[in-house]
């Protein structure tokens, strides 16, 4: 129930909904300023960082916005190569060709980002649920903390590429 209340609260904040009691009383609820994270800010957040995932990770190279990743979901290793792009509407998209033992395919994965004050919210675009990506006072549990300077995926992705491409 707590998770539902937290999600509902964030949804109301992000949609800028007005409370029914304020409407019925004829008063205006205080406006909460929700702004998209700019392309420049997203580049500062992701550029030259590795996003560590439970099953692998992805590297956002700053030069030419290259992207490389690897994952091992359900004991099915794969690697991805492509690019990433950002816009001033708070969107980060990853365009990659993913290769696994059973074949290859292209995929586009996007995330939306907005900020309320200094707190940044993220969701899988277009229909994911909003969650706090980075608190105004960052916490150890923030997803933002999974972005690290070191390239922890490049060599693993290169080994997977060599192995998977050789078996085709």
C-alpha atoms as a PDB file:
ATOM      1  CA  UNK A   1       0.000   0.000   0.000  1.00  0.00           C
ATOM      2  CA  UNK A   2       2.875   2.390   0.795  1.00  0.00           C
ATOM      3  CA  UNK A   3       4.278   1.860  -2.723  1.00  0.00           C
ATOM      4  CA  UNK A   4       0.899   2.673  -4.239  1.00  0.00           C
ATOM      5  CA  UNK A   5       0.574   5.846  -2.176  1.00  0.00           C
ATOM      6  CA  UNK A   6       4.107   6.940  -3.120  1.00  0.00           C
ATOM      7  CA  UNK A   7       3.464   6.233  -6.824  1.00  0.00           C
ATOM      8  CA  UNK A   8       0.120   8.019  -6.713  1.00  0.00           C
ATOM      9  CA  UNK A   9       1.686  11.017  -4.987  1.00  0.00           C
ATOM     10  CA  UNK A  10       4.458  11.263  -7.591  1.00  0.00           C
ATOM     11  CA  UNK A  11       1.919  10.851 -10.404  1.00  0.00           C
ATOM     12  CA  UNK A  12      -0.178  13.685  -9.000  1.00  0.00           C
ATOM     13  CA  UNK A  13       2.870  15.902  -8.617  1.00  0.00           C
ATOM     14  CA  UNK A  14       4.068  15.206 -12.134  1.00  0.00           C
ATOM     15  CA  UNK A  15       0.677  15.698 -13.718  1.00  0.00           C
ATOM     16  CA  UNK A  16       0.140  18.901 -11.771  1.00  0.00           C
ATOM     17  CA  UNK A  17      -3.237  17.766 -10.520  1.00  0.00           C
ATOM     18  CA  UNK A  18      -5.146  19.998  -8.153  1.00  0.00           C
ATOM     19  CA  UNK A  19      -6.510  18.534  -4.948  1.00  0.00           C
ATOM     20  CA  UNK A  20     -10.317  18.148  -4.870  1.00  0.00           C
ATOM     21  CA  UNK A  21     -10.541  19.939  -1.522  1.00  0.00           C
ATOM     22  CA  UNK A  22      -8.803  22.996  -2.954  1.00  0.00           C
ATOM     23  CA  UNK A  23     -11.128  23.016  -5.960  1.00  0.00           C
ATOM     24  CA  UNK A  24     -14.247  22.646  -3.854  1.00  0.00           C
ATOM     25  CA  UNK A  25     -13.119  25.458  -1.598  1.00  0.00           C
ATOM     26  CA  UNK A  26     -12.580  27.645  -4.649  1.00  0.00           C
ATOM     27  CA  UNK A  27      -8.893  28.035  -3.867  1.00  0.00           C
ATOM     28  CA  UNK A  28      -5.922  27.340  -6.069  1.00  0.00           C
ATOM     29  CA  UNK A  29      -3.540  24.632  -4.995  1.00  0.00           C
ATOM     30  CA  UNK A  30       0.094  25.701  -5.013  1.00  0.00           C
ATOM     31  CA  UNK A  31       1.601  25.056  -8.425  1.00  0.00           C
ATOM     32  CA  UNK A  32       4.462  22.657  -8.595  1.00  0.00           C
ATOM     33  CA  UNK A  33       6.922  23.449 -11.341  1.00  0.00           C
ATOM     34  CA  UNK A  34       7.686  20.329 -13.376  1.00  0.00           C
ATOM     35  CA  UNK A  35      10.385  20.868 -15.994  1.00  0.00           C
ATOM     36  CA  UNK A  36      11.948  18.495 -18.491  1.00  0.00           C
ATOM     37  CA  UNK A  37      15.639  17.825 -17.980  1.00  0.00           C
ATOM     38  CA  UNK A  38      17.494  19.556 -20.825  1.00  0.00           C
ATOM     39  CA  UNK A  39      19.687  17.812 -23.391  1.00  0.00           C
ATOM     40  CA  UNK A  40      22.719  19.519 -21.860  1.00  0.00           C
ATOM     41  CA  UNK A  41      21.826  18.240 -18.387  1.00  0.00           C
ATOM     42  CA  UNK A  42      21.185  14.713 -19.684  1.00  0.00           C
ATOM     43  CA  UNK A  43      24.560  14.749 -21.450  1.00  0.00           C
ATOM     44  CA  UNK A  44      26.193  15.777 -18.154  1.00  0.00           C
ATOM     45  CA  UNK A  45      24.361  12.971 -16.322  1.00  0.00           C
ATOM     46  CA  UNK A  46      25.060  10.150 -18.830  1.00  0.00           C
ATOM     47  CA  UNK A  47      28.041  11.251 -20.943  1.00  0.00           C
ATOM     48  CA  UNK A  48      31.165   9.148 -20.418  1.00  0.00           C
ATOM     49  CA  UNK A  49      29.355   7.090 -17.773  1.00  0.00           C
ATOM     50  CA  UNK A  50      28.534   3.409 -17.429  1.00  0.00           C
ATOM     51  CA  UNK A  51      25.049   2.525 -16.198  1.00  0.00           C
ATOM     52  CA  UNK A  52      25.425  -0.623 -14.125  1.00  0.00           C
ATOM     53  CA  UNK A  53      22.442  -2.985 -14.379  1.00  0.00           C
ATOM     54  CA  UNK A  54      21.664  -6.094 -12.325  1.00  0.00           C
ATOM     55  CA  UNK A  55      22.431  -8.234 -15.398  1.00  0.00           C
ATOM     56  CA  UNK A  56      25.156  -6.167 -17.106  1.00  0.00           C
ATOM     57  CA  UNK A  57      25.552  -2.537 -18.061  1.00  0.00           C
ATOM     58  CA  UNK A  58      25.736   0.083 -20.776  1.00  0.00           C
ATOM     59  CA  UNK A  59      28.452   2.633 -21.574  1.00  0.00           C
ATOM     60  CA  UNK A  60      27.464   6.099 -22.828  1.00  0.00           C
ATOM     61  CA  UNK A  61      30.548   7.334 -24.654  1.00  0.00           C
ATOM     62  CA  UNK A  62      30.675  11.105 -24.823  1.00  0.00           C
ATOM     63  CA  UNK A  63      32.488  11.272 -28.144  1.00  0.00           C
ATOM     64  CA  UNK A  64      29.930  10.915 -30.947  1.00  0.00           C
ATOM     65  CA  UNK A  65      27.425   9.527 -28.432  1.00  0.00           C
ATOM     66  CA  UNK A  66      28.450   5.915 -28.992  1.00  0.00           C
ATOM     67  CA  UNK A  67      26.855   3.191 -26.889  1.00  0.00           C
ATOM     68  CA  UNK A  68      28.094  -0.291 -26.010  1.00  0.00           C
ATOM     69  CA  UNK A  69      26.560  -2.742 -23.558  1.00  0.00           C
ATOM     70  CA  UNK A  70      26.336  -6.322 -22.460  1.00  0.00           C
ATOM     71  CA  UNK A  71      23.756  -8.257 -20.531  1.00  0.00           C
ATOM     72  CA  UNK A  72      23.181 -11.799 -19.366  1.00  0.00           C
ATOM     73  CA  UNK A  73      19.458 -12.125 -18.814  1.00  0.00           C
ATOM     74  CA  UNK A  74      18.111 -15.619 -18.180  1.00  0.00           C
ATOM     75  CA  UNK A  75      21.556 -17.097 -18.899  1.00  0.00           C
ATOM     76  CA  UNK A  76      21.431 -15.674 -22.444  1.00  0.00           C
ATOM     77  CA  UNK A  77      24.448 -13.381 -22.898  1.00  0.00           C
ATOM     78  CA  UNK A  78      24.213 -10.601 -25.468  1.00  0.00           C
ATOM     79  CA  UNK A  79      25.991  -7.407 -26.425  1.00  0.00           C
ATOM     80  CA  UNK A  80      24.709  -4.193 -27.910  1.00  0.00           C
ATOM     81  CA  UNK A  81      26.350  -1.521 -30.031  1.00  0.00           C
ATOM     82  CA  UNK A  82      24.880   1.721 -31.249  1.00  0.00           C
ATOM     83  CA  UNK A  83      24.351   5.294 -30.184  1.00  0.00           C
ATOM     84  CA  UNK A  84      22.461   7.394 -27.675  1.00  0.00           C
ATOM     85  CA  UNK A  85      20.631  10.675 -28.130  1.00  0.00           C
ATOM     86  CA  UNK A  86      19.012  13.248 -25.864  1.00  0.00           C
ATOM     87  CA  UNK A  87      16.592  16.113 -26.412  1.00  0.00           C
ATOM     88  CA  UNK A  88      15.349  19.172 -24.542  1.00  0.00           C
ATOM     89  CA  UNK A  89      12.091  17.390 -23.663  1.00  0.00           C
ATOM     90  CA  UNK A  90      13.930  15.223 -21.133  1.00  0.00           C
ATOM     91  CA  UNK A  91      14.235  12.153 -23.353  1.00  0.00           C
ATOM     92  CA  UNK A  92      17.253   9.849 -23.549  1.00  0.00           C
ATOM     93  CA  UNK A  93      17.104   7.156 -26.241  1.00  0.00           C
ATOM     94  CA  UNK A  94      19.447   4.267 -26.884  1.00  0.00           C
ATOM     95  CA  UNK A  95      19.506   2.872 -30.425  1.00  0.00           C
ATOM     96  CA  UNK A  96      21.448  -0.396 -30.541  1.00  0.00           C
ATOM     97  CA  UNK A  97      21.891  -3.605 -32.436  1.00  0.00           C
ATOM     98  CA  UNK A  98      21.804  -6.453 -29.933  1.00  0.00           C
ATOM     99  CA  UNK A  99      23.477  -9.762 -30.722  1.00  0.00           C
ATOM    100  CA  UNK A 100      22.945 -13.038 -28.881  1.00  0.00           C
ATOM    101  CA  UNK A 101      23.615 -16.709 -29.694  1.00  0.00           C
ATOM    102  CA  UNK A 102      20.160 -17.016 -31.268  1.00  0.00           C
ATOM    103  CA  UNK A 103      20.429 -13.965 -33.538  1.00  0.00           C
ATOM    104  CA  UNK A 104      20.564 -10.195 -33.692  1.00  0.00           C
ATOM    105  CA  UNK A 105      18.097  -7.339 -33.841  1.00  0.00           C
ATOM    106  CA  UNK A 106      17.799  -3.613 -33.471  1.00  0.00           C
ATOM    107  CA  UNK A 107      16.094  -1.996 -30.500  1.00  0.00           C
ATOM    108  CA  UNK A 108      15.324   1.523 -29.340  1.00  0.00           C
ATOM    109  CA  UNK A 109      14.902   2.105 -25.619  1.00  0.00           C
ATOM    110  CA  UNK A 110      13.947   5.529 -24.291  1.00  0.00           C
ATOM    111  CA  UNK A 111      13.650   7.116 -20.870  1.00  0.00           C
ATOM    112  CA  UNK A 112      11.867  10.326 -19.902  1.00  0.00           C
ATOM    113  CA  UNK A 113      13.322  12.692 -17.297  1.00  0.00           C
ATOM    114  CA  UNK A 114      11.696  15.599 -15.469  1.00  0.00           C
ATOM    115  CA  UNK A 115      12.713  17.622 -12.466  1.00  0.00           C
ATOM    116  CA  UNK A 116      10.752  19.101  -9.613  1.00  0.00           C
ATOM    117  CA  UNK A 117      13.149  21.475  -7.937  1.00  0.00           C
ATOM    118  CA  UNK A 118      16.425  19.568  -7.660  1.00  0.00           C
ATOM    119  CA  UNK A 119      14.798  16.123  -7.676  1.00  0.00           C
ATOM    120  CA  UNK A 120      14.995  14.252 -10.986  1.00  0.00           C
ATOM    121  CA  UNK A 121      12.331  11.688 -11.913  1.00  0.00           C
ATOM    122  CA  UNK A 122      12.725   9.032 -14.585  1.00  0.00           C
ATOM    123  CA  UNK A 123      10.475   6.565 -16.370  1.00  0.00           C
ATOM    124  CA  UNK A 124      10.717   4.160 -19.268  1.00  0.00           C
ATOM    125  CA  UNK A 125       9.282   6.154 -22.143  1.00  0.00           C
ATOM    126  CA  UNK A 126       6.460   6.352 -23.017  1.00  0.00           C
ATOM    127  CA  UNK A 127       4.410   4.340 -20.514  1.00  0.00           C
ATOM    128  CA  UNK A 128       6.640   3.495 -17.566  1.00  0.00           C
ATOM    129  CA  UNK A 129       5.978   4.598 -14.007  1.00  0.00           C
ATOM    130  CA  UNK A 130       7.752   7.696 -12.707  1.00  0.00           C
ATOM    131  CA  UNK A 131      10.253   7.144  -9.903  1.00  0.00           C
ATOM    132  CA  UNK A 132      12.904   9.254  -8.227  1.00  0.00           C
ATOM    133  CA  UNK A 133      16.091   8.909 -10.265  1.00  0.00           C
ATOM    134  CA  UNK A 134      18.078  11.384  -8.153  1.00  0.00           C
ATOM    135  CA  UNK A 135      16.825  12.983  -4.945  1.00  0.00           C
ATOM    136  CA  UNK A 136      17.611  16.657  -4.301  1.00  0.00           C
ATOM    137  CA  UNK A 137      19.959  15.346  -1.614  1.00  0.00           C
ATOM    138  CA  UNK A 138      21.172  12.165  -3.366  1.00  0.00           C
ATOM    139  CA  UNK A 139      20.690   8.905  -1.511  1.00  0.00           C
ATOM    140  CA  UNK A 140      22.705   5.716  -1.768  1.00  0.00           C
ATOM    141  CA  UNK A 141      19.660   3.955  -3.249  1.00  0.00           C
ATOM    142  CA  UNK A 142      19.154   6.454  -6.125  1.00  0.00           C
ATOM    143  CA  UNK A 143      19.327   4.905  -9.600  1.00  0.00           C
ATOM    144  CA  UNK A 144      21.588   7.826 -10.483  1.00  0.00           C
ATOM    145  CA  UNK A 145      24.260   6.219  -8.272  1.00  0.00           C
ATOM    146  CA  UNK A 146      24.483   3.310 -10.741  1.00  0.00           C
ATOM    147  CA  UNK A 147      26.105   5.663 -13.266  1.00  0.00           C
ATOM    148  CA  UNK A 148      29.871   5.401 -12.785  1.00  0.00           C
ATOM    149  CA  UNK A 149      32.847   7.011 -14.510  1.00  0.00           C
ATOM    150  CA  UNK A 150      34.721   3.762 -15.165  1.00  0.00           C
ATOM    151  CA  UNK A 151      34.077   1.725 -18.312  1.00  0.00           C
ATOM    152  CA  UNK A 152      33.069  -1.553 -16.705  1.00  0.00           C
ATOM    153  CA  UNK A 153      31.370  -2.997 -19.818  1.00  0.00           C
ATOM    154  CA  UNK A 154      33.582  -2.343 -22.858  1.00  0.00           C
ATOM    155  CA  UNK A 155      35.939  -5.315 -22.463  1.00  0.00           C
ATOM    156  CA  UNK A 156      33.110  -7.738 -21.567  1.00  0.00           C
ATOM    157  CA  UNK A 157      31.073  -6.572 -24.592  1.00  0.00           C
ATOM    158  CA  UNK A 158      34.136  -6.973 -26.849  1.00  0.00           C
ATOM    159  CA  UNK A 159      34.711 -10.537 -25.588  1.00  0.00           C
ATOM    160  CA  UNK A 160      31.047 -11.393 -26.116  1.00  0.00           C
ATOM    161  CA  UNK A 161      31.159  -9.879 -29.595  1.00  0.00           C
ATOM    162  CA  UNK A 162      34.203 -11.957 -30.492  1.00  0.00           C
ATOM    163  CA  UNK A 163      32.605 -15.136 -29.129  1.00  0.00           C
ATOM    164  CA  UNK A 164      29.095 -14.622 -30.516  1.00  0.00           C
ATOM    165  CA  UNK A 165      30.145 -13.401 -33.958  1.00  0.00           C
ATOM    166  CA  UNK A 166      32.642 -16.296 -34.296  1.00  0.00           C
ATOM    167  CA  UNK A 167      29.882 -18.871 -33.648  1.00  0.00           C
ATOM    168  CA  UNK A 168      27.676 -17.536 -36.458  1.00  0.00           C
END
